[in-house]
Amino acid sequence: MSCNIEVKIRIDDLNVLRKSILAMGAAESGQMHQIDTFFGGINRLKLREYDDQSFAELIAYQRPDIADLRTCDYRLCRVSNPDELKETLAFALPLLKTIEKTRLLFLHGRTRIHLDEVKSLGQFLELEVVLSDEDTTDSGEKEALAILKELGLEGAPRIPGSYFDLVDAEKS
């Protein structure tokens, strides 16, 4: 089972935050353009495609929609033919929505720090503290809180859902 502790925060300026992330010692690991196609079902399911089209990822996940640190259980499967998989999934499940974003990735220990520019939504910071089987959720939460504090974001409002959920919220 794969699990992480995550949090999402809306931010005003990616460039300012990028400098702070680098100053705390995180390593910049690249920029990518991602297209997430969400499908209906009992659990959350999305197909994540990348610009280079060499592969995609099918991601199934469960997590509470709370405006705080949250535990996310997920399964990830790399796929080599995303167009065929998308067509097959859309045949069997409702295709709900597509979210497009540019993501700048930083690595800080076991934490993945994302600076996201999401089409039609804005700019966001997302932390994912990846837990091993031996890790506790408490240790992951402490690490996430320490990083937020170091970035001056410990008191920033946290987003309860996903970008998928925000699209609908922004429309209402």
N, C-alpha and C. Protein backbone atom coordinates (compact mmCIF):
# COMPACT_ATOMS: atom_id res chain seq x y z
N MET A 1 0.85 -1.17 0.00
CA MET A 1 0.00 0.00 0.00
C MET A 1 0.89 1.24 0.00
N SER A 2 0.56 2.20 -0.81
CA SER A 2 1.28 3.48 -0.84
C SER A 2 0.46 4.52 -0.11
N CYS A 3 1.17 5.35 0.64
CA CYS A 3 0.48 6.33 1.48
C CYS A 3 1.34 7.58 1.60
N ASN A 4 0.68 8.72 1.66
CA ASN A 4 1.39 9.96 1.95
C ASN A 4 0.52 10.88 2.79
N ILE A 5 1.18 11.88 3.36
CA ILE A 5 0.49 12.96 4.06
C ILE A 5 0.55 14.14 3.12
N GLU A 6 -0.58 14.76 2.85
CA GLU A 6 -0.58 15.84 1.87
C GLU A 6 -1.37 17.04 2.36
N VAL A 7 -1.05 18.16 1.72
CA VAL A 7 -1.76 19.41 1.99
C VAL A 7 -1.65 20.27 0.74
N LYS A 8 -2.69 21.04 0.48
CA LYS A 8 -2.72 21.92 -0.69
C LYS A 8 -3.10 23.33 -0.22
N ILE A 9 -2.35 24.33 -0.73
CA ILE A 9 -2.56 25.73 -0.34
C ILE A 9 -2.51 26.61 -1.59
N ARG A 10 -3.47 27.51 -1.71
CA ARG A 10 -3.44 28.50 -2.80
C ARG A 10 -2.37 29.53 -2.48
N ILE A 11 -1.57 29.90 -3.48
CA ILE A 11 -0.50 30.88 -3.26
C ILE A 11 -0.61 32.00 -4.28
N ASP A 12 0.07 33.11 -3.96
CA ASP A 12 0.01 34.28 -4.82
C ASP A 12 1.13 34.34 -5.85
N ASP A 13 2.32 33.89 -5.47
CA ASP A 13 3.46 34.09 -6.35
C ASP A 13 4.38 32.87 -6.33
N LEU A 14 4.37 32.11 -7.41
CA LEU A 14 5.20 30.91 -7.52
C LEU A 14 6.69 31.24 -7.41
N ASN A 15 7.11 32.35 -8.01
CA ASN A 15 8.54 32.68 -8.03
C ASN A 15 9.09 32.98 -6.64
N VAL A 16 8.34 33.70 -5.84
CA VAL A 16 8.77 34.00 -4.48
C VAL A 16 8.88 32.71 -3.67
N LEU A 17 7.88 31.86 -3.78
CA LEU A 17 7.88 30.61 -3.03
C LEU A 17 8.98 29.67 -3.53
N ARG A 18 9.24 29.68 -4.81
CA ARG A 18 10.32 28.86 -5.39
C ARG A 18 11.66 29.20 -4.73
N LYS A 19 11.93 30.48 -4.56
CA LYS A 19 13.18 30.92 -3.92
C LYS A 19 13.25 30.43 -2.48
N SER A 20 12.14 30.48 -1.77
CA SER A 20 12.12 30.01 -0.38
C SER A 20 12.34 28.50 -0.30
N ILE A 21 11.76 27.77 -1.23
CA ILE A 21 11.92 26.31 -1.26
C ILE A 21 13.38 25.94 -1.52
N LEU A 22 14.00 26.62 -2.46
CA LEU A 22 15.42 26.37 -2.74
C LEU A 22 16.30 26.76 -1.55
N ALA A 23 15.95 27.86 -0.88
CA ALA A 23 16.74 28.33 0.26
C ALA A 23 16.70 27.34 1.42
N MET A 24 15.63 26.55 1.54
CA MET A 24 15.56 25.57 2.62
C MET A 24 16.27 24.27 2.27
N GLY A 25 16.86 24.21 1.07
CA GLY A 25 17.68 23.06 0.70
C GLY A 25 17.00 22.02 -0.17
N ALA A 26 15.80 22.30 -0.64
CA ALA A 26 15.12 21.35 -1.53
C ALA A 26 15.80 21.36 -2.91
N ALA A 27 15.77 20.21 -3.56
CA ALA A 27 16.37 20.09 -4.89
C ALA A 27 15.28 20.21 -5.95
N GLU A 28 15.50 21.10 -6.90
CA GLU A 28 14.55 21.23 -8.00
C GLU A 28 14.70 20.01 -8.91
N SER A 29 13.58 19.37 -9.22
CA SER A 29 13.62 18.12 -9.95
C SER A 29 12.94 18.18 -11.31
N GLY A 30 12.58 19.37 -11.76
CA GLY A 30 12.04 19.50 -13.10
C GLY A 30 10.63 20.05 -13.16
N GLN A 31 10.28 20.47 -14.36
CA GLN A 31 8.94 21.00 -14.63
C GLN A 31 8.26 20.08 -15.63
N MET A 32 6.97 19.88 -15.42
CA MET A 32 6.21 19.01 -16.32
C MET A 32 4.81 19.57 -16.55
N HIS A 33 4.30 19.26 -17.70
CA HIS A 33 2.91 19.60 -18.02
C HIS A 33 2.11 18.32 -17.84
N GLN A 34 1.04 18.39 -17.05
CA GLN A 34 0.24 17.21 -16.76
C GLN A 34 -1.22 17.45 -17.13
N ILE A 35 -1.83 16.41 -17.66
CA ILE A 35 -3.26 16.42 -17.93
C ILE A 35 -3.86 15.25 -17.17
N ASP A 36 -4.73 15.56 -16.20
CA ASP A 36 -5.39 14.55 -15.39
C ASP A 36 -6.83 14.40 -15.87
N THR A 37 -7.19 13.20 -16.28
CA THR A 37 -8.55 12.90 -16.69
C THR A 37 -9.18 12.04 -15.59
N PHE A 38 -10.28 12.54 -15.01
CA PHE A 38 -10.94 11.88 -13.89
C PHE A 38 -12.12 11.05 -14.38
N PHE A 39 -12.28 9.88 -13.76
CA PHE A 39 -13.35 8.97 -14.10
C PHE A 39 -14.20 8.71 -12.87
N GLY A 40 -15.50 8.47 -13.09
CA GLY A 40 -16.42 8.19 -12.00
C GLY A 40 -16.24 6.78 -11.49
N GLY A 41 -16.67 6.54 -10.27
CA GLY A 41 -16.57 5.22 -9.65
C GLY A 41 -16.66 5.37 -8.15
N ILE A 42 -16.47 4.29 -7.46
CA ILE A 42 -16.56 4.30 -6.00
C ILE A 42 -15.39 5.10 -5.40
N ASN A 43 -14.18 4.85 -5.88
CA ASN A 43 -12.99 5.59 -5.43
C ASN A 43 -12.59 6.59 -6.50
N ARG A 44 -11.69 7.47 -6.15
CA ARG A 44 -11.19 8.44 -7.13
C ARG A 44 -10.22 7.73 -8.08
N LEU A 45 -10.36 8.04 -9.35
CA LEU A 45 -9.54 7.41 -10.37
C LEU A 45 -9.21 8.46 -11.43
N LYS A 46 -7.90 8.58 -11.74
CA LYS A 46 -7.50 9.53 -12.77
C LYS A 46 -6.37 8.93 -13.60
N LEU A 47 -6.36 9.35 -14.85
CA LEU A 47 -5.28 9.02 -15.76
C LEU A 47 -4.45 10.28 -15.92
N ARG A 48 -3.17 10.21 -15.55
CA ARG A 48 -2.27 11.37 -15.65
C ARG A 48 -1.37 11.18 -16.86
N GLU A 49 -1.50 12.14 -17.80
CA GLU A 49 -0.66 12.12 -19.00
C GLU A 49 0.36 13.25 -18.92
N TYR A 50 1.51 13.00 -19.52
CA TYR A 50 2.61 13.97 -19.53
C TYR A 50 2.87 14.41 -20.96
N ASP A 51 3.51 15.58 -21.07
CA ASP A 51 3.82 16.15 -22.39
C ASP A 51 4.58 15.20 -23.30
N ASP A 52 5.58 14.51 -22.74
CA ASP A 52 6.44 13.70 -23.61
C ASP A 52 5.75 12.44 -24.11
N GLN A 53 4.60 12.08 -23.53
CA GLN A 53 3.78 10.95 -23.99
C GLN A 53 4.51 9.61 -23.97
N SER A 54 5.66 9.50 -23.31
CA SER A 54 6.36 8.22 -23.26
C SER A 54 5.65 7.24 -22.33
N PHE A 55 4.90 7.77 -21.37
CA PHE A 55 4.13 6.93 -20.48
C PHE A 55 3.06 7.80 -19.81
N ALA A 56 2.18 7.16 -19.12
CA ALA A 56 1.18 7.84 -18.31
C ALA A 56 1.02 7.04 -17.03
N GLU A 57 0.23 7.56 -16.10
CA GLU A 57 0.00 6.86 -14.85
C GLU A 57 -1.50 6.80 -14.57
N LEU A 58 -1.96 5.63 -14.22
CA LEU A 58 -3.32 5.47 -13.73
C LEU A 58 -3.22 5.50 -12.22
N ILE A 59 -3.95 6.42 -11.60
CA ILE A 59 -3.83 6.64 -10.15
C ILE A 59 -5.22 6.49 -9.52
N ALA A 60 -5.32 5.55 -8.59
CA ALA A 60 -6.54 5.40 -7.78
C ALA A 60 -6.18 5.83 -6.37
N TYR A 61 -7.05 6.63 -5.74
CA TYR A 61 -6.71 7.11 -4.41
C TYR A 61 -7.95 7.34 -3.56
N GLN A 62 -7.72 7.31 -2.24
CA GLN A 62 -8.75 7.59 -1.25
C GLN A 62 -8.16 8.54 -0.22
N ARG A 63 -8.92 9.58 0.10
CA ARG A 63 -8.50 10.49 1.16
C ARG A 63 -9.70 11.34 1.57
N PRO A 64 -9.68 11.83 2.79
CA PRO A 64 -10.78 12.70 3.22
C PRO A 64 -10.62 14.09 2.60
N ASP A 65 -11.72 14.75 2.37
CA ASP A 65 -11.70 16.12 1.87
C ASP A 65 -11.83 17.07 3.06
N ILE A 66 -10.69 17.29 3.69
CA ILE A 66 -10.64 18.19 4.85
C ILE A 66 -9.61 19.27 4.58
N ALA A 67 -9.85 20.44 5.16
CA ALA A 67 -8.94 21.58 4.97
C ALA A 67 -7.82 21.51 6.01
N ASP A 68 -7.04 20.45 5.93
CA ASP A 68 -5.95 20.24 6.87
C ASP A 68 -5.00 19.21 6.27
N LEU A 69 -4.01 18.81 7.03
CA LEU A 69 -3.17 17.71 6.59
C LEU A 69 -4.08 16.48 6.48
N ARG A 70 -3.82 15.65 5.49
CA ARG A 70 -4.68 14.48 5.31
C ARG A 70 -3.85 13.31 4.80
N THR A 71 -4.29 12.14 5.17
CA THR A 71 -3.64 10.91 4.73
C THR A 71 -4.28 10.47 3.43
N CYS A 72 -3.45 10.14 2.46
CA CYS A 72 -3.94 9.69 1.16
C CYS A 72 -3.36 8.31 0.86
N ASP A 73 -4.24 7.33 0.71
CA ASP A 73 -3.84 5.99 0.27
C ASP A 73 -4.02 5.94 -1.24
N TYR A 74 -3.01 5.44 -1.93
CA TYR A 74 -3.09 5.45 -3.39
C TYR A 74 -2.42 4.22 -4.02
N ARG A 75 -2.83 3.96 -5.22
CA ARG A 75 -2.21 2.93 -6.07
C ARG A 75 -1.88 3.61 -7.38
N LEU A 76 -0.73 3.28 -7.90
CA LEU A 76 -0.24 3.90 -9.13
C LEU A 76 0.21 2.81 -10.09
N CYS A 77 -0.20 2.93 -11.34
CA CYS A 77 0.19 1.96 -12.37
C CYS A 77 0.65 2.72 -13.60
N ARG A 78 1.90 2.51 -13.99
CA ARG A 78 2.41 3.14 -15.22
C ARG A 78 1.81 2.42 -16.42
N VAL A 79 1.42 3.20 -17.41
CA VAL A 79 0.84 2.63 -18.62
C VAL A 79 1.56 3.19 -19.84
N SER A 80 1.69 2.36 -20.86
CA SER A 80 2.42 2.78 -22.05
C SER A 80 1.52 3.24 -23.18
N ASN A 81 0.22 2.98 -23.08
CA ASN A 81 -0.71 3.38 -24.13
C ASN A 81 -1.88 4.15 -23.53
N PRO A 82 -1.65 5.41 -23.14
CA PRO A 82 -2.70 6.15 -22.43
C PRO A 82 -3.94 6.41 -23.26
N ASP A 83 -3.81 6.62 -24.57
CA ASP A 83 -4.99 6.88 -25.39
C ASP A 83 -5.94 5.68 -25.39
N GLU A 84 -5.38 4.50 -25.53
CA GLU A 84 -6.20 3.29 -25.53
C GLU A 84 -6.82 3.05 -24.17
N LEU A 85 -6.07 3.28 -23.11
CA LEU A 85 -6.60 3.11 -21.76
C LEU A 85 -7.71 4.12 -21.48
N LYS A 86 -7.51 5.37 -21.87
CA LYS A 86 -8.54 6.40 -21.66
C LYS A 86 -9.82 6.02 -22.39
N GLU A 87 -9.69 5.57 -23.61
CA GLU A 87 -10.87 5.15 -24.38
C GLU A 87 -11.58 3.99 -23.70
N THR A 88 -10.83 3.03 -23.19
CA THR A 88 -11.42 1.87 -22.52
C THR A 88 -12.10 2.27 -21.22
N LEU A 89 -11.43 3.10 -20.43
CA LEU A 89 -12.04 3.55 -19.18
C LEU A 89 -13.30 4.37 -19.44
N ALA A 90 -13.27 5.23 -20.44
CA ALA A 90 -14.44 6.05 -20.76
C ALA A 90 -15.60 5.20 -21.27
N PHE A 91 -15.30 4.04 -21.81
CA PHE A 91 -16.34 3.11 -22.26
C PHE A 91 -17.05 2.49 -21.06
N ALA A 92 -16.29 2.25 -19.97
CA ALA A 92 -16.82 1.55 -18.81
C ALA A 92 -17.26 2.48 -17.68
N LEU A 93 -16.65 3.67 -17.60
CA LEU A 93 -16.91 4.58 -16.49
C LEU A 93 -17.22 5.97 -17.01
N PRO A 94 -17.97 6.76 -16.24
CA PRO A 94 -18.20 8.14 -16.67
C PRO A 94 -16.88 8.93 -16.66
N LEU A 95 -16.62 9.62 -17.76
CA LEU A 95 -15.49 10.55 -17.81
C LEU A 95 -16.00 11.86 -17.22
N LEU A 96 -15.43 12.28 -16.09
CA LEU A 96 -15.98 13.40 -15.34
C LEU A 96 -15.42 14.75 -15.73
N LYS A 97 -14.08 14.82 -15.85
CA LYS A 97 -13.48 16.14 -16.01
C LYS A 97 -12.00 15.98 -16.32
N THR A 98 -11.43 16.99 -16.96
CA THR A 98 -10.00 17.03 -17.23
C THR A 98 -9.42 18.29 -16.60
N ILE A 99 -8.31 18.11 -15.90
CA ILE A 99 -7.60 19.21 -15.25
C ILE A 99 -6.20 19.29 -15.87
N GLU A 100 -5.81 20.49 -16.27
CA GLU A 100 -4.51 20.68 -16.91
C GLU A 100 -3.66 21.59 -16.03
N LYS A 101 -2.39 21.18 -15.84
CA LYS A 101 -1.52 21.99 -14.98
C LYS A 101 -0.07 21.87 -15.41
N THR A 102 0.69 22.87 -15.01
CA THR A 102 2.14 22.83 -15.12
C THR A 102 2.66 22.72 -13.70
N ARG A 103 3.51 21.73 -13.48
CA ARG A 103 4.00 21.43 -12.13
C ARG A 103 5.51 21.53 -12.09
N LEU A 104 5.99 22.28 -11.10
CA LEU A 104 7.42 22.36 -10.81
C LEU A 104 7.63 21.50 -9.56
N LEU A 105 8.51 20.50 -9.68
CA LEU A 105 8.71 19.53 -8.60
C LEU A 105 10.03 19.79 -7.87
N PHE A 106 9.95 19.74 -6.54
CA PHE A 106 11.13 19.82 -5.67
C PHE A 106 11.11 18.61 -4.75
N LEU A 107 12.29 18.13 -4.40
CA LEU A 107 12.41 17.02 -3.47
C LEU A 107 13.17 17.51 -2.23
N HIS A 108 12.58 17.22 -1.08
CA HIS A 108 13.19 17.61 0.19
C HIS A 108 13.06 16.40 1.12
N GLY A 109 14.10 15.57 1.17
CA GLY A 109 14.00 14.32 1.92
C GLY A 109 12.93 13.45 1.29
N ARG A 110 12.01 12.99 2.09
CA ARG A 110 10.92 12.14 1.56
C ARG A 110 9.71 12.95 1.10
N THR A 111 9.85 14.27 1.12
CA THR A 111 8.72 15.14 0.76
C THR A 111 8.85 15.64 -0.67
N ARG A 112 7.76 15.50 -1.40
CA ARG A 112 7.64 16.06 -2.74
C ARG A 112 6.91 17.39 -2.60
N ILE A 113 7.54 18.46 -3.07
CA ILE A 113 6.94 19.79 -3.01
C ILE A 113 6.58 20.18 -4.44
N HIS A 114 5.32 20.46 -4.67
CA HIS A 114 4.84 20.83 -6.00
C HIS A 114 4.43 22.30 -6.00
N LEU A 115 4.89 23.02 -7.00
CA LEU A 115 4.35 24.34 -7.29
C LEU A 115 3.56 24.19 -8.58
N ASP A 116 2.26 24.35 -8.48
CA ASP A 116 1.36 24.08 -9.59
C ASP A 116 0.72 25.35 -10.12
N GLU A 117 0.69 25.46 -11.44
CA GLU A 117 -0.09 26.49 -12.14
C GLU A 117 -1.22 25.72 -12.83
N VAL A 118 -2.42 25.83 -12.28
CA VAL A 118 -3.55 25.03 -12.76
C VAL A 118 -4.43 25.89 -13.66
N LYS A 119 -4.66 25.39 -14.86
CA LYS A 119 -5.45 26.12 -15.85
C LYS A 119 -6.82 26.45 -15.27
N SER A 120 -7.18 27.69 -15.33
CA SER A 120 -8.45 28.27 -14.89
C SER A 120 -8.63 28.32 -13.36
N LEU A 121 -7.61 27.87 -12.59
CA LEU A 121 -7.74 27.91 -11.13
C LEU A 121 -6.70 28.78 -10.44
N GLY A 122 -5.48 28.82 -10.95
CA GLY A 122 -4.46 29.64 -10.31
C GLY A 122 -3.25 28.86 -9.88
N GLN A 123 -2.58 29.38 -8.84
CA GLN A 123 -1.30 28.85 -8.38
C GLN A 123 -1.44 28.21 -7.01
N PHE A 124 -0.73 27.09 -6.83
CA PHE A 124 -0.88 26.31 -5.61
C PHE A 124 0.44 25.68 -5.19
N LEU A 125 0.57 25.46 -3.89
CA LEU A 125 1.62 24.64 -3.31
C LEU A 125 0.95 23.35 -2.86
N GLU A 126 1.59 22.24 -3.17
CA GLU A 126 1.12 20.96 -2.67
C GLU A 126 2.31 20.22 -2.09
N LEU A 127 2.18 19.76 -0.85
CA LEU A 127 3.20 18.93 -0.22
C LEU A 127 2.69 17.51 -0.16
N GLU A 128 3.59 16.56 -0.42
CA GLU A 128 3.29 15.14 -0.24
C GLU A 128 4.47 14.52 0.50
N VAL A 129 4.25 14.17 1.76
CA VAL A 129 5.27 13.46 2.53
C VAL A 129 5.01 11.98 2.31
N VAL A 130 5.89 11.33 1.58
CA VAL A 130 5.72 9.92 1.22
C VAL A 130 6.13 9.06 2.41
N LEU A 131 5.21 8.21 2.86
CA LEU A 131 5.45 7.36 4.02
C LEU A 131 5.87 5.96 3.59
N SER A 132 6.85 5.42 4.30
CA SER A 132 7.21 4.01 4.10
C SER A 132 6.32 3.17 5.00
N ASP A 133 6.40 1.86 4.88
CA ASP A 133 5.59 0.98 5.73
C ASP A 133 5.92 1.15 7.21
N GLU A 134 7.15 1.58 7.51
CA GLU A 134 7.59 1.74 8.89
C GLU A 134 7.22 3.11 9.47
N ASP A 135 6.88 4.07 8.63
CA ASP A 135 6.57 5.42 9.09
C ASP A 135 5.17 5.50 9.69
N THR A 136 5.01 6.45 10.60
CA THR A 136 3.70 6.73 11.17
C THR A 136 3.13 7.98 10.51
N THR A 137 1.83 8.10 10.55
CA THR A 137 1.22 9.32 10.00
C THR A 137 1.65 10.54 10.82
N ASP A 138 1.87 10.34 12.13
CA ASP A 138 2.33 11.45 12.98
C ASP A 138 3.66 12.01 12.50
N SER A 139 4.60 11.12 12.15
CA SER A 139 5.91 11.60 11.69
C SER A 139 5.77 12.36 10.37
N GLY A 140 4.90 11.90 9.49
CA GLY A 140 4.66 12.60 8.22
C GLY A 140 4.01 13.95 8.44
N GLU A 141 3.06 14.01 9.36
CA GLU A 141 2.39 15.28 9.66
C GLU A 141 3.37 16.29 10.26
N LYS A 142 4.23 15.82 11.15
CA LYS A 142 5.24 16.71 11.75
C LYS A 142 6.17 17.27 10.69
N GLU A 143 6.57 16.42 9.75
CA GLU A 143 7.45 16.88 8.67
C GLU A 143 6.75 17.92 7.79
N ALA A 144 5.50 17.66 7.43
CA ALA A 144 4.75 18.62 6.61
C ALA A 144 4.59 19.95 7.33
N LEU A 145 4.27 19.91 8.61
CA LEU A 145 4.10 21.14 9.39
C LEU A 145 5.41 21.91 9.50
N ALA A 146 6.52 21.20 9.66
CA ALA A 146 7.83 21.87 9.75
C ALA A 146 8.17 22.58 8.44
N ILE A 147 7.85 21.95 7.31
CA ILE A 147 8.13 22.57 6.01
C ILE A 147 7.22 23.78 5.81
N LEU A 148 5.95 23.66 6.15
CA LEU A 148 5.04 24.80 6.03
C LEU A 148 5.52 25.96 6.89
N LYS A 149 5.98 25.66 8.09
CA LYS A 149 6.49 26.71 8.98
C LYS A 149 7.72 27.37 8.37
N GLU A 150 8.65 26.56 7.86
CA GLU A 150 9.87 27.12 7.26
C GLU A 150 9.55 28.01 6.06
N LEU A 151 8.47 27.69 5.34
CA LEU A 151 8.06 28.49 4.18
C LEU A 151 7.15 29.66 4.58
N GLY A 152 6.83 29.78 5.87
CA GLY A 152 5.96 30.86 6.33
C GLY A 152 4.50 30.64 5.97
N LEU A 153 4.10 29.38 5.79
CA LEU A 153 2.73 29.07 5.37
C LEU A 153 1.95 28.27 6.42
N GLU A 154 2.47 28.20 7.64
CA GLU A 154 1.79 27.36 8.64
C GLU A 154 0.37 27.83 8.92
N GLY A 155 0.09 29.12 8.78
CA GLY A 155 -1.25 29.63 9.04
C GLY A 155 -2.08 29.86 7.78
N ALA A 156 -1.53 29.51 6.62
CA ALA A 156 -2.26 29.74 5.36
C ALA A 156 -3.47 28.81 5.27
N PRO A 157 -4.58 29.30 4.72
CA PRO A 157 -5.76 28.45 4.56
C PRO A 157 -5.45 27.25 3.67
N ARG A 158 -5.90 26.09 4.10
CA ARG A 158 -5.66 24.85 3.36
C ARG A 158 -6.91 24.47 2.59
N ILE A 159 -6.68 23.86 1.45
CA ILE A 159 -7.78 23.51 0.55
C ILE A 159 -8.27 22.10 0.88
N PRO A 160 -9.59 21.94 1.07
CA PRO A 160 -10.11 20.64 1.51
C PRO A 160 -10.13 19.55 0.44
N GLY A 161 -10.22 19.89 -0.80
CA GLY A 161 -10.37 18.86 -1.83
C GLY A 161 -9.23 18.86 -2.82
N SER A 162 -9.56 18.47 -4.03
CA SER A 162 -8.58 18.38 -5.11
C SER A 162 -8.85 19.50 -6.11
N TYR A 163 -8.00 19.60 -7.11
CA TYR A 163 -8.25 20.56 -8.19
C TYR A 163 -9.58 20.23 -8.87
N PHE A 164 -9.89 18.97 -8.97
CA PHE A 164 -11.16 18.51 -9.51
C PHE A 164 -12.32 19.19 -8.77
N ASP A 165 -12.26 19.17 -7.44
CA ASP A 165 -13.32 19.76 -6.62
C ASP A 165 -13.35 21.28 -6.75
N LEU A 166 -12.17 21.90 -6.89
CA LEU A 166 -12.10 23.35 -6.97
C LEU A 166 -12.75 23.90 -8.24
N VAL A 167 -12.68 23.16 -9.32
CA VAL A 167 -13.29 23.64 -10.57
C VAL A 167 -14.77 23.88 -10.36
N ASP A 168 -15.46 22.94 -9.74
CA ASP A 168 -16.89 23.11 -9.47
C ASP A 168 -17.15 24.22 -8.47
N ALA A 169 -16.31 24.33 -7.43
CA ALA A 169 -16.49 25.36 -6.42
C ALA A 169 -16.31 26.75 -7.02
N GLU A 170 -15.38 26.90 -7.94
CA GLU A 170 -15.11 28.20 -8.57
C GLU A 170 -16.26 28.63 -9.48
N LYS A 171 -16.98 27.65 -10.03
CA LYS A 171 -18.10 27.97 -10.93
C LYS A 171 -19.32 28.44 -10.17
N SER A 172 -19.45 28.02 -8.88
CA SER A 172 -20.66 28.40 -8.13
C SER A 172 -20.48 29.68 -7.35
